[in-house]
Amino acid sequence: VFGRAAFAVLALAFFARFFSQHGWQKLQAVDWRRLALSGVLLAGHWVSFFVSVKIAGVAIATLGFASFPAFTVILEGLIFRERIRP
């Protein structure tokens, strides 16, 4: 995983450096806080996912993983008051 992540960082840095019109921008403090919060939430998500696989098994984890689009549609309706459309 580290190798893939390192390759992704290098590839993105290369494209941002040579194919970007504006170049790199410095991050503000609020950006760093948002990135840190996103990282903590993502880490919590993966830890809870692997704990649930250990407790419930791979079959239940696969069902949960495969059903997330349905939960997304349901939560969008409940949280953002969006109607379900084709």
Protein backbone atom coordinates (compact mmCIF):
# COMPACT_ATOMS: atom_id res chain seq x y z
CA VAL A 1 0.00 0.00 0.00
CA PHE A 2 2.82 2.40 0.81
CA GLY A 3 4.38 1.81 -2.60
CA ARG A 4 1.13 2.58 -4.42
CA ALA A 5 0.55 5.68 -2.32
CA ALA A 6 4.11 6.92 -2.90
CA PHE A 7 3.77 6.36 -6.64
CA ALA A 8 0.44 8.25 -6.62
CA VAL A 9 2.00 11.20 -4.78
CA LEU A 10 4.92 11.35 -7.20
CA ALA A 11 2.68 11.08 -10.26
CA LEU A 12 0.28 13.75 -8.98
CA ALA A 13 3.19 16.05 -8.08
CA PHE A 14 4.64 15.60 -11.56
CA PHE A 15 1.35 16.44 -13.28
CA ALA A 16 0.64 19.34 -10.93
CA ARG A 17 4.11 20.75 -11.55
CA PHE A 18 4.29 20.47 -15.31
CA PHE A 19 0.68 20.53 -16.48
CA SER A 20 -0.84 23.08 -14.12
CA GLN A 21 -1.49 26.66 -15.16
CA HIS A 22 -1.15 28.11 -11.68
CA GLY A 23 1.32 25.85 -9.93
CA TRP A 24 1.21 24.93 -6.27
CA GLN A 25 -0.71 26.99 -3.76
CA LYS A 26 0.12 27.23 -0.08
CA LEU A 27 -2.47 25.72 2.22
CA GLN A 28 -4.12 27.90 4.82
CA ALA A 29 -4.59 26.77 8.43
CA VAL A 30 -8.25 25.98 7.81
CA ASP A 31 -7.23 23.70 4.93
CA TRP A 32 -4.81 21.80 7.16
CA ARG A 33 -7.53 21.33 9.78
CA ARG A 34 -9.97 20.02 7.18
CA LEU A 35 -7.37 17.63 5.79
CA ALA A 36 -6.53 16.39 9.29
CA LEU A 37 -10.21 15.86 10.09
CA SER A 38 -10.70 14.00 6.80
CA GLY A 39 -7.71 11.79 7.60
CA VAL A 40 -9.00 10.99 11.08
CA LEU A 41 -12.46 10.15 9.72
CA LEU A 42 -10.99 7.97 6.98
CA ALA A 43 -8.76 6.14 9.45
CA GLY A 44 -11.74 5.59 11.76
CA HIS A 45 -13.76 4.27 8.84
CA TRP A 46 -11.12 1.69 7.88
CA VAL A 47 -10.46 0.61 11.46
CA SER A 48 -14.17 0.12 12.10
CA PHE A 49 -14.53 -1.75 8.79
CA PHE A 50 -11.75 -4.20 9.63
CA VAL A 51 -13.05 -4.70 13.17
CA SER A 52 -16.49 -5.46 11.74
CA VAL A 53 -14.95 -7.98 9.32
CA LYS A 54 -13.22 -9.65 12.24
CA ILE A 55 -16.41 -9.76 14.31
CA ALA A 56 -19.08 -10.53 11.69
CA GLY A 57 -17.07 -12.24 8.98
CA VAL A 58 -16.30 -11.58 5.36
CA ALA A 59 -19.79 -12.47 4.09
CA ILE A 60 -21.52 -9.79 6.19
CA ALA A 61 -18.79 -7.28 5.37
CA THR A 62 -19.27 -7.94 1.66
CA LEU A 63 -23.01 -7.40 1.98
CA GLY A 64 -22.43 -4.15 3.85
CA PHE A 65 -19.85 -2.97 1.35
CA ALA A 66 -22.07 -3.82 -1.62
CA SER A 67 -25.14 -2.10 -0.15
CA PHE A 68 -23.57 1.31 0.48
CA PRO A 69 -25.15 2.90 -2.66
CA ALA A 70 -28.60 2.12 -1.25
CA PHE A 71 -27.67 3.66 2.10
CA THR A 72 -26.30 6.71 0.28
CA VAL A 73 -29.60 7.24 -1.53
CA ILE A 74 -31.57 6.80 1.69
CA LEU A 75 -29.34 9.16 3.68
CA GLU A 76 -29.42 11.82 0.94
CA GLY A 77 -33.19 11.77 1.17
CA LEU A 78 -33.18 12.04 4.94
CA ILE A 79 -30.36 14.55 5.39
CA PHE A 80 -30.53 16.76 2.28
CA ARG A 81 -34.25 16.31 1.53
CA GLU A 82 -33.49 15.19 -2.02
CA ARG A 83 -36.10 13.19 -3.85
CA ILE A 84 -35.19 9.91 -5.50
CA ARG A 85 -35.16 10.35 -9.28
CA PRO A 86 -34.32 7.93 -12.08
